[in-house]
Amino acid sequence: PASEKLDKAKHMKIYKFWKQSFSSPVQNIVEPASLSYINKTEISDSEALSIMEKLSAFPKSYNALQVVLFSCSDDDELVDEKYENIVAQWKSAT
């Protein structure tokens, strides 16, 4: 559940299991944001935008896109805008 708080070691154990159990290009793309989120650090907004641009080629990768959104400060709300644009693009393609 979302209310359960994981310590870093348990979070990393789950992350490593996920990484070993599944194979997708999206995993490699989103990895810097995932690790940033786990380590409670932030990636730069420009890195987040770059990752999102790469993810846009993989329609319906909503969870990966959200990880990126929440892994940066997004001071100028450009990352949120990029998120909304990609989601709209994916939805219009279906």
PDB file of N, CA and C in Angstrom:
ATOM      1  N   PRO A   1       0.824  -1.204   0.000  1.00  0.00           N
ATOM      2  CA  PRO A   1       0.000   0.000   0.000  1.00  0.00           C
ATOM      3  C   PRO A   1       0.864   1.263   0.000  1.00  0.00           C
ATOM      4  N   ALA A   2       0.329   2.324  -0.542  1.00  0.00           N
ATOM      5  CA  ALA A   2       1.060   3.587  -0.625  1.00  0.00           C
ATOM      6  C   ALA A   2       1.400   4.140   0.751  1.00  0.00           C
ATOM      7  N   SER A   3       0.611   3.803   1.747  1.00  0.00           N
ATOM      8  CA  SER A   3       0.858   4.325   3.091  1.00  0.00           C
ATOM      9  C   SER A   3       2.051   3.654   3.769  1.00  0.00           C
ATOM     10  N   GLU A   4       2.486   2.507   3.259  1.00  0.00           N
ATOM     11  CA  GLU A   4       3.623   1.805   3.863  1.00  0.00           C
ATOM     12  C   GLU A   4       4.923   2.476   3.449  1.00  0.00           C
ATOM     13  N   LYS A   5       5.730   2.809   4.424  1.00  0.00           N
ATOM     14  CA  LYS A   5       7.023   3.440   4.157  1.00  0.00           C
ATOM     15  C   LYS A   5       8.106   2.364   4.133  1.00  0.00           C
ATOM     16  N   LEU A   6       8.880   2.345   3.062  1.00  0.00           N
ATOM     17  CA  LEU A   6       9.952   1.364   2.924  1.00  0.00           C
ATOM     18  C   LEU A   6      11.284   2.002   3.279  1.00  0.00           C
ATOM     19  N   ASP A   7      12.127   1.253   3.999  1.00  0.00           N
ATOM     20  CA  ASP A   7      13.476   1.761   4.198  1.00  0.00           C
ATOM     21  C   ASP A   7      14.240   1.546   2.890  1.00  0.00           C
ATOM     22  N   LYS A   8      15.356   2.240   2.760  1.00  0.00           N
ATOM     23  CA  LYS A   8      16.099   2.228   1.502  1.00  0.00           C
ATOM     24  C   LYS A   8      16.539   0.811   1.110  1.00  0.00           C
ATOM     25  N   ALA A   9      16.988   0.018   2.077  1.00  0.00           N
ATOM     26  CA  ALA A   9      17.463  -1.339   1.767  1.00  0.00           C
ATOM     27  C   ALA A   9      16.345  -2.195   1.179  1.00  0.00           C
ATOM     28  N   LYS A  10      15.163  -2.122   1.760  1.00  0.00           N
ATOM     29  CA  LYS A  10      14.038  -2.910   1.249  1.00  0.00           C
ATOM     30  C   LYS A  10      13.605  -2.397  -0.127  1.00  0.00           C
ATOM     31  N   HIS A  11      13.621  -1.088  -0.275  1.00  0.00           N
ATOM     32  CA  HIS A  11      13.260  -0.484  -1.554  1.00  0.00           C
ATOM     33  C   HIS A  11      14.225  -0.954  -2.649  1.00  0.00           C
ATOM     34  N   MET A  12      15.517  -0.971  -2.335  1.00  0.00           N
ATOM     35  CA  MET A  12      16.515  -1.412  -3.313  1.00  0.00           C
ATOM     36  C   MET A  12      16.365  -2.900  -3.628  1.00  0.00           C
ATOM     37  N   LYS A  13      16.001  -3.689  -2.632  1.00  0.00           N
ATOM     38  CA  LYS A  13      15.789  -5.119  -2.857  1.00  0.00           C
ATOM     39  C   LYS A  13      14.642  -5.329  -3.844  1.00  0.00           C
ATOM     40  N   ILE A  14      13.562  -4.603  -3.669  1.00  0.00           N
ATOM     41  CA  ILE A  14      12.414  -4.684  -4.579  1.00  0.00           C
ATOM     42  C   ILE A  14      12.808  -4.195  -5.968  1.00  0.00           C
ATOM     43  N   TYR A  15      13.557  -3.089  -6.015  1.00  0.00           N
ATOM     44  CA  TYR A  15      14.005  -2.529  -7.290  1.00  0.00           C
ATOM     45  C   TYR A  15      14.864  -3.545  -8.056  1.00  0.00           C
ATOM     46  N   LYS A  16      15.812  -4.167  -7.352  1.00  0.00           N
ATOM     47  CA  LYS A  16      16.687  -5.148  -8.010  1.00  0.00           C
ATOM     48  C   LYS A  16      15.890  -6.351  -8.508  1.00  0.00           C
ATOM     49  N   PHE A  17      14.905  -6.794  -7.735  1.00  0.00           N
ATOM     50  CA  PHE A  17      14.042  -7.895  -8.166  1.00  0.00           C
ATOM     51  C   PHE A  17      13.300  -7.507  -9.441  1.00  0.00           C
ATOM     52  N   TRP A  18      12.726  -6.317  -9.452  1.00  0.00           N
ATOM     53  CA  TRP A  18      12.000  -5.811 -10.620  1.00  0.00           C
ATOM     54  C   TRP A  18      12.918  -5.766 -11.835  1.00  0.00           C
ATOM     55  N   LYS A  19      14.122  -5.238 -11.632  1.00  0.00           N
ATOM     56  CA  LYS A  19      15.056  -5.099 -12.745  1.00  0.00           C
ATOM     57  C   LYS A  19      15.477  -6.463 -13.298  1.00  0.00           C
ATOM     58  N   GLN A  20      15.645  -7.455 -12.436  1.00  0.00           N
ATOM     59  CA  GLN A  20      16.059  -8.790 -12.872  1.00  0.00           C
ATOM     60  C   GLN A  20      14.904  -9.598 -13.460  1.00  0.00           C
ATOM     61  N   SER A  21      13.694  -9.293 -13.048  1.00  0.00           N
ATOM     62  CA  SER A  21      12.539 -10.109 -13.433  1.00  0.00           C
ATOM     63  C   SER A  21      11.889  -9.684 -14.741  1.00  0.00           C
ATOM     64  N   PHE A  22      12.119  -8.451 -15.134  1.00  0.00           N
ATOM     65  CA  PHE A  22      11.469  -7.925 -16.332  1.00  0.00           C
ATOM     66  C   PHE A  22      12.518  -7.270 -17.215  1.00  0.00           C
ATOM     67  N   SER A  23      12.261  -7.263 -18.497  1.00  0.00           N
ATOM     68  CA  SER A  23      13.188  -6.637 -19.431  1.00  0.00           C
ATOM     69  C   SER A  23      12.411  -5.752 -20.393  1.00  0.00           C
ATOM     70  N   SER A  24      12.762  -4.496 -20.378  1.00  0.00           N
ATOM     71  CA  SER A  24      12.100  -3.535 -21.250  1.00  0.00           C
ATOM     72  C   SER A  24      13.035  -2.349 -21.457  1.00  0.00           C
ATOM     73  N   PRO A  25      13.041  -1.757 -22.646  1.00  0.00           N
ATOM     74  CA  PRO A  25      13.857  -0.561 -22.854  1.00  0.00           C
ATOM     75  C   PRO A  25      13.465   0.566 -21.896  1.00  0.00           C
ATOM     76  N   VAL A  26      12.213   0.562 -21.473  1.00  0.00           N
ATOM     77  CA  VAL A  26      11.730   1.602 -20.559  1.00  0.00           C
ATOM     78  C   VAL A  26      12.506   1.557 -19.242  1.00  0.00           C
ATOM     79  N   GLN A  27      12.863   0.365 -18.779  1.00  0.00           N
ATOM     80  CA  GLN A  27      13.614   0.238 -17.520  1.00  0.00           C
ATOM     81  C   GLN A  27      14.911   1.037 -17.559  1.00  0.00           C
ATOM     82  N   ASN A  28      15.657   0.874 -18.620  1.00  0.00           N
ATOM     83  CA  ASN A  28      16.935   1.584 -18.721  1.00  0.00           C
ATOM     84  C   ASN A  28      16.737   3.084 -18.836  1.00  0.00           C
ATOM     85  N   ILE A  29      15.715   3.484 -19.541  1.00  0.00           N
ATOM     86  CA  ILE A  29      15.450   4.912 -19.714  1.00  0.00           C
ATOM     87  C   ILE A  29      15.085   5.562 -18.385  1.00  0.00           C
ATOM     88  N   VAL A  30      14.225   4.910 -17.617  1.00  0.00           N
ATOM     89  CA  VAL A  30      13.700   5.499 -16.383  1.00  0.00           C
ATOM     90  C   VAL A  30      14.613   5.257 -15.171  1.00  0.00           C
ATOM     91  N   GLU A  31      15.645   4.443 -15.327  1.00  0.00           N
ATOM     92  CA  GLU A  31      16.487   4.076 -14.183  1.00  0.00           C
ATOM     93  C   GLU A  31      17.050   5.265 -13.400  1.00  0.00           C
ATOM     94  N   PRO A  32      17.614   6.295 -14.029  1.00  0.00           N
ATOM     95  CA  PRO A  32      18.132   7.409 -13.218  1.00  0.00           C
ATOM     96  C   PRO A  32      17.057   8.054 -12.335  1.00  0.00           C
ATOM     97  N   ALA A  33      15.862   8.176 -12.864  1.00  0.00           N
ATOM     98  CA  ALA A  33      14.766   8.757 -12.083  1.00  0.00           C
ATOM     99  C   ALA A  33      14.329   7.810 -10.976  1.00  0.00           C
ATOM    100  N   SER A  34      14.281   6.529 -11.269  1.00  0.00           N
ATOM    101  CA  SER A  34      13.895   5.537 -10.257  1.00  0.00           C
ATOM    102  C   SER A  34      14.869   5.546  -9.088  1.00  0.00           C
ATOM    103  N   LEU A  35      16.147   5.519  -9.391  1.00  0.00           N
ATOM    104  CA  LEU A  35      17.159   5.511  -8.338  1.00  0.00           C
ATOM    105  C   LEU A  35      17.156   6.821  -7.560  1.00  0.00           C
ATOM    106  N   SER A  36      16.912   7.905  -8.247  1.00  0.00           N
ATOM    107  CA  SER A  36      16.805   9.199  -7.576  1.00  0.00           C
ATOM    108  C   SER A  36      15.650   9.195  -6.583  1.00  0.00           C
ATOM    109  N   TYR A  37      14.534   8.662  -7.002  1.00  0.00           N
ATOM    110  CA  TYR A  37      13.349   8.585  -6.141  1.00  0.00           C
ATOM    111  C   TYR A  37      13.629   7.703  -4.919  1.00  0.00           C
ATOM    112  N   ILE A  38      14.244   6.564  -5.137  1.00  0.00           N
ATOM    113  CA  ILE A  38      14.573   5.645  -4.039  1.00  0.00           C
ATOM    114  C   ILE A  38      15.547   6.297  -3.061  1.00  0.00           C
ATOM    115  N   ASN A  39      16.550   6.988  -3.594  1.00  0.00           N
ATOM    116  CA  ASN A  39      17.588   7.605  -2.766  1.00  0.00           C
ATOM    117  C   ASN A  39      17.177   8.954  -2.185  1.00  0.00           C
ATOM    118  N   LYS A  40      15.955   9.365  -2.483  1.00  0.00           N
ATOM    119  CA  LYS A  40      15.422  10.639  -1.995  1.00  0.00           C
ATOM    120  C   LYS A  40      16.302  11.822  -2.409  1.00  0.00           C
ATOM    121  N   THR A  41      16.757  11.747  -3.659  1.00  0.00           N
ATOM    122  CA  THR A  41      17.486  12.851  -4.269  1.00  0.00           C
ATOM    123  C   THR A  41      16.668  13.305  -5.469  1.00  0.00           C
ATOM    124  N   GLU A  42      17.154  14.299  -6.161  1.00  0.00           N
ATOM    125  CA  GLU A  42      16.439  14.775  -7.346  1.00  0.00           C
ATOM    126  C   GLU A  42      17.360  14.778  -8.551  1.00  0.00           C
ATOM    127  N   ILE A  43      16.784  14.479  -9.703  1.00  0.00           N
ATOM    128  CA  ILE A  43      17.493  14.703 -10.957  1.00  0.00           C
ATOM    129  C   ILE A  43      17.164  16.129 -11.388  1.00  0.00           C
ATOM    130  N   SER A  44      17.940  16.664 -12.304  1.00  0.00           N
ATOM    131  CA  SER A  44      17.666  18.021 -12.784  1.00  0.00           C
ATOM    132  C   SER A  44      16.415  18.016 -13.657  1.00  0.00           C
ATOM    133  N   ASP A  45      15.790  19.163 -13.746  1.00  0.00           N
ATOM    134  CA  ASP A  45      14.614  19.278 -14.605  1.00  0.00           C
ATOM    135  C   ASP A  45      14.972  18.957 -16.053  1.00  0.00           C
ATOM    136  N   SER A  46      16.155  19.386 -16.494  1.00  0.00           N
ATOM    137  CA  SER A  46      16.548  19.115 -17.884  1.00  0.00           C
ATOM    138  C   SER A  46      16.744  17.616 -18.115  1.00  0.00           C
ATOM    139  N   GLU A  47      17.277  16.906 -17.112  1.00  0.00           N
ATOM    140  CA  GLU A  47      17.415  15.452 -17.249  1.00  0.00           C
ATOM    141  C   GLU A  47      16.042  14.792 -17.279  1.00  0.00           C
ATOM    142  N   ALA A  48      15.130  15.281 -16.441  1.00  0.00           N
ATOM    143  CA  ALA A  48      13.766  14.737 -16.429  1.00  0.00           C
ATOM    144  C   ALA A  48      13.102  14.939 -17.787  1.00  0.00           C
ATOM    145  N   LEU A  49      13.271  16.114 -18.366  1.00  0.00           N
ATOM    146  CA  LEU A  49      12.682  16.392 -19.681  1.00  0.00           C
ATOM    147  C   LEU A  49      13.269  15.470 -20.748  1.00  0.00           C
ATOM    148  N   SER A  50      14.559  15.233 -20.666  1.00  0.00           N
ATOM    149  CA  SER A  50      15.218  14.340 -21.623  1.00  0.00           C
ATOM    150  C   SER A  50      14.699  12.906 -21.484  1.00  0.00           C
ATOM    151  N   ILE A  51      14.560  12.448 -20.247  1.00  0.00           N
ATOM    152  CA  ILE A  51      14.039  11.097 -20.011  1.00  0.00           C
ATOM    153  C   ILE A  51      12.610  10.993 -20.528  1.00  0.00           C
ATOM    154  N   MET A  52      11.802  12.008 -20.258  1.00  0.00           N
ATOM    155  CA  MET A  52      10.408  11.991 -20.720  1.00  0.00           C
ATOM    156  C   MET A  52      10.331  11.949 -22.239  1.00  0.00           C
ATOM    157  N   GLU A  53      11.212  12.684 -22.886  1.00  0.00           N
ATOM    158  CA  GLU A  53      11.225  12.682 -24.352  1.00  0.00           C
ATOM    159  C   GLU A  53      11.496  11.269 -24.871  1.00  0.00           C
ATOM    160  N   LYS A  54      12.429  10.574 -24.243  1.00  0.00           N
ATOM    161  CA  LYS A  54      12.725   9.194 -24.642  1.00  0.00           C
ATOM    162  C   LYS A  54      11.536   8.280 -24.359  1.00  0.00           C
ATOM    163  N   LEU A  55      10.896   8.472 -23.205  1.00  0.00           N
ATOM    164  CA  LEU A  55       9.744   7.640 -22.842  1.00  0.00           C
ATOM    165  C   LEU A  55       8.553   7.858 -23.766  1.00  0.00           C
ATOM    166  N   SER A  56       8.475   9.022 -24.382  1.00  0.00           N
ATOM    167  CA  SER A  56       7.325   9.322 -25.246  1.00  0.00           C
ATOM    168  C   SER A  56       7.207   8.333 -26.402  1.00  0.00           C
ATOM    169  N   ALA A  57       8.304   7.665 -26.730  1.00  0.00           N
ATOM    170  CA  ALA A  57       8.293   6.668 -27.810  1.00  0.00           C
ATOM    171  C   ALA A  57       7.686   5.335 -27.369  1.00  0.00           C
ATOM    172  N   PHE A  58       7.312   5.230 -26.086  1.00  0.00           N
ATOM    173  CA  PHE A  58       6.753   3.992 -25.545  1.00  0.00           C
ATOM    174  C   PHE A  58       5.371   4.266 -24.964  1.00  0.00           C
ATOM    175  N   PRO A  59       4.361   4.335 -25.847  1.00  0.00           N
ATOM    176  CA  PRO A  59       3.001   4.684 -25.413  1.00  0.00           C
ATOM    177  C   PRO A  59       2.520   3.855 -24.225  1.00  0.00           C
ATOM    178  N   LYS A  60       1.753   4.528 -23.403  1.00  0.00           N
ATOM    179  CA  LYS A  60       1.104   3.952 -22.214  1.00  0.00           C
ATOM    180  C   LYS A  60       2.077   3.581 -21.100  1.00  0.00           C
ATOM    181  N   SER A  61       3.269   4.151 -21.113  1.00  0.00           N
ATOM    182  CA  SER A  61       4.230   3.939 -20.019  1.00  0.00           C
ATOM    183  C   SER A  61       3.978   4.982 -18.926  1.00  0.00           C
ATOM    184  N   TYR A  62       2.733   5.033 -18.481  1.00  0.00           N
ATOM    185  CA  TYR A  62       2.309   6.071 -17.538  1.00  0.00           C
ATOM    186  C   TYR A  62       3.066   6.011 -16.215  1.00  0.00           C
ATOM    187  N   ASN A  63       3.270   4.821 -15.685  1.00  0.00           N
ATOM    188  CA  ASN A  63       3.957   4.706 -14.394  1.00  0.00           C
ATOM    189  C   ASN A  63       5.389   5.214 -14.488  1.00  0.00           C
ATOM    190  N   ALA A  64       6.079   4.854 -15.549  1.00  0.00           N
ATOM    191  CA  ALA A  64       7.449   5.324 -15.736  1.00  0.00           C
ATOM    192  C   ALA A  64       7.472   6.841 -15.856  1.00  0.00           C
ATOM    193  N   LEU A  65       6.526   7.373 -16.581  1.00  0.00           N
ATOM    194  CA  LEU A  65       6.447   8.822 -16.757  1.00  0.00           C
ATOM    195  C   LEU A  65       6.215   9.522 -15.420  1.00  0.00           C
ATOM    196  N   GLN A  66       5.382   8.938 -14.568  1.00  0.00           N
ATOM    197  CA  GLN A  66       5.118   9.529 -13.255  1.00  0.00           C
ATOM    198  C   GLN A  66       6.338   9.463 -12.343  1.00  0.00           C
ATOM    199  N   VAL A  67       7.095   8.390 -12.426  1.00  0.00           N
ATOM    200  CA  VAL A  67       8.324   8.306 -11.631  1.00  0.00           C
ATOM    201  C   VAL A  67       9.233   9.476 -11.978  1.00  0.00           C
ATOM    202  N   VAL A  68       9.357   9.765 -13.263  1.00  0.00           N
ATOM    203  CA  VAL A  68      10.196  10.880 -13.697  1.00  0.00           C
ATOM    204  C   VAL A  68       9.625  12.201 -13.182  1.00  0.00           C
ATOM    205  N   LEU A  69       8.336  12.369 -13.303  1.00  0.00           N
ATOM    206  CA  LEU A  69       7.686  13.601 -12.850  1.00  0.00           C
ATOM    207  C   LEU A  69       7.984  13.885 -11.380  1.00  0.00           C
ATOM    208  N   PHE A  70       7.979  12.846 -10.559  1.00  0.00           N
ATOM    209  CA  PHE A  70       8.168  13.027  -9.121  1.00  0.00           C
ATOM    210  C   PHE A  70       9.626  12.931  -8.675  1.00  0.00           C
ATOM    211  N   SER A  71      10.549  12.841  -9.625  1.00  0.00           N
ATOM    212  CA  SER A  71      11.963  12.715  -9.265  1.00  0.00           C
ATOM    213  C   SER A  71      12.747  14.014  -9.438  1.00  0.00           C
ATOM    214  N   CYS A  72      12.040  15.089  -9.752  1.00  0.00           N
ATOM    215  CA  CYS A  72      12.712  16.376  -9.937  1.00  0.00           C
ATOM    216  C   CYS A  72      11.899  17.472  -9.258  1.00  0.00           C
ATOM    217  N   SER A  73      12.509  18.650  -9.119  1.00  0.00           N
ATOM    218  CA  SER A  73      11.820  19.745  -8.429  1.00  0.00           C
ATOM    219  C   SER A  73      10.777  20.423  -9.308  1.00  0.00           C
ATOM    220  N   ASP A  74      10.993  20.442 -10.608  1.00  0.00           N
ATOM    221  CA  ASP A  74      10.070  21.057 -11.571  1.00  0.00           C
ATOM    222  C   ASP A  74       9.689  22.480 -11.161  1.00  0.00           C
ATOM    223  N   ASP A  75      10.693  23.276 -10.833  1.00  0.00           N
ATOM    224  CA  ASP A  75      10.464  24.641 -10.364  1.00  0.00           C
ATOM    225  C   ASP A  75       9.659  25.488 -11.340  1.00  0.00           C
ATOM    226  N   ASP A  76       9.901  25.319 -12.623  1.00  0.00           N
ATOM    227  CA  ASP A  76       9.210  26.130 -13.634  1.00  0.00           C
ATOM    228  C   ASP A  76       7.999  25.428 -14.232  1.00  0.00           C
ATOM    229  N   GLU A  77       7.658  24.272 -13.696  1.00  0.00           N
ATOM    230  CA  GLU A  77       6.516  23.468 -14.136  1.00  0.00           C
ATOM    231  C   GLU A  77       6.609  23.028 -15.597  1.00  0.00           C
ATOM    232  N   LEU A  78       7.816  23.014 -16.126  1.00  0.00           N
ATOM    233  CA  LEU A  78       8.023  22.551 -17.501  1.00  0.00           C
ATOM    234  C   LEU A  78       7.912  21.032 -17.593  1.00  0.00           C
ATOM    235  N   VAL A  79       8.324  20.349 -16.534  1.00  0.00           N
ATOM    236  CA  VAL A  79       8.264  18.887 -16.530  1.00  0.00           C
ATOM    237  C   VAL A  79       6.808  18.436 -16.467  1.00  0.00           C
ATOM    238  N   ASP A  80       6.016  19.098 -15.639  1.00  0.00           N
ATOM    239  CA  ASP A  80       4.589  18.780 -15.567  1.00  0.00           C
ATOM    240  C   ASP A  80       3.915  19.032 -16.916  1.00  0.00           C
ATOM    241  N   GLU A  81       4.282  20.124 -17.555  1.00  0.00           N
ATOM    242  CA  GLU A  81       3.722  20.437 -18.876  1.00  0.00           C
ATOM    243  C   GLU A  81       4.100  19.355 -19.891  1.00  0.00           C
ATOM    244  N   LYS A  82       5.355  18.919 -19.852  1.00  0.00           N
ATOM    245  CA  LYS A  82       5.817  17.851 -20.753  1.00  0.00           C
ATOM    246  C   LYS A  82       5.044  16.561 -20.470  1.00  0.00           C
ATOM    247  N   TYR A  83       4.852  16.253 -19.187  1.00  0.00           N
ATOM    248  CA  TYR A  83       4.080  15.074 -18.786  1.00  0.00           C
ATOM    249  C   TYR A  83       2.685  15.131 -19.395  1.00  0.00           C
ATOM    250  N   GLU A  84       2.000  16.240 -19.216  1.00  0.00           N
ATOM    251  CA  GLU A  84       0.634  16.395 -19.733  1.00  0.00           C
ATOM    252  C   GLU A  84       0.596  16.274 -21.252  1.00  0.00           C
ATOM    253  N   ASN A  85       1.582  16.842 -21.930  1.00  0.00           N
ATOM    254  CA  ASN A  85       1.633  16.767 -23.397  1.00  0.00           C
ATOM    255  C   ASN A  85       1.823  15.332 -23.882  1.00  0.00           C
ATOM    256  N   ILE A  86       2.694  14.591 -23.218  1.00  0.00           N
ATOM    257  CA  ILE A  86       2.928  13.199 -23.617  1.00  0.00           C
ATOM    258  C   ILE A  86       1.690  12.351 -23.362  1.00  0.00           C
ATOM    259  N   VAL A  87       1.063  12.529 -22.212  1.00  0.00           N
ATOM    260  CA  VAL A  87      -0.160  11.781 -21.901  1.00  0.00           C
ATOM    261  C   VAL A  87      -1.235  12.079 -22.945  1.00  0.00           C
ATOM    262  N   ALA A  88      -1.399  13.344 -23.296  1.00  0.00           N
ATOM    263  CA  ALA A  88      -2.390  13.719 -24.311  1.00  0.00           C
ATOM    264  C   ALA A  88      -2.052  13.085 -25.659  1.00  0.00           C
ATOM    265  N   GLN A  89      -0.775  13.076 -25.998  1.00  0.00           N
ATOM    266  CA  GLN A  89      -0.323  12.457 -27.258  1.00  0.00           C
ATOM    267  C   GLN A  89      -0.666  10.971 -27.265  1.00  0.00           C
ATOM    268  N   TRP A  90      -0.380  10.286 -26.182  1.00  0.00           N
ATOM    269  CA  TRP A  90      -0.681   8.854 -26.100  1.00  0.00           C
ATOM    270  C   TRP A  90      -2.178   8.597 -26.188  1.00  0.00           C
ATOM    271  N   LYS A  91      -2.952   9.401 -25.498  1.00  0.00           N
ATOM    272  CA  LYS A  91      -4.406   9.198 -25.497  1.00  0.00           C
ATOM    273  C   LYS A  91      -5.015   9.478 -26.866  1.00  0.00           C
ATOM    274  N   SER A  92      -4.475  10.446 -27.580  1.00  0.00           N
ATOM    275  CA  SER A  92      -5.025  10.776 -28.897  1.00  0.00           C
ATOM    276  C   SER A  92      -4.663   9.728 -29.945  1.00  0.00           C
ATOM    277  N   ALA A  93      -3.647   8.934 -29.668  1.00  0.00           N
ATOM    278  CA  ALA A  93      -3.210   7.908 -30.621  1.00  0.00           C
ATOM    279  C   ALA A  93      -4.035   6.631 -30.520  1.00  0.00           C
ATOM    280  N   THR A  94      -4.871   6.528 -29.497  1.00  0.00           N
ATOM    281  CA  THR A  94      -5.654   5.292 -29.333  1.00  0.00           C
ATOM    282  C   THR A  94      -7.082   5.473 -29.775  1.00  0.00           C
TER     283      THR A  94
END
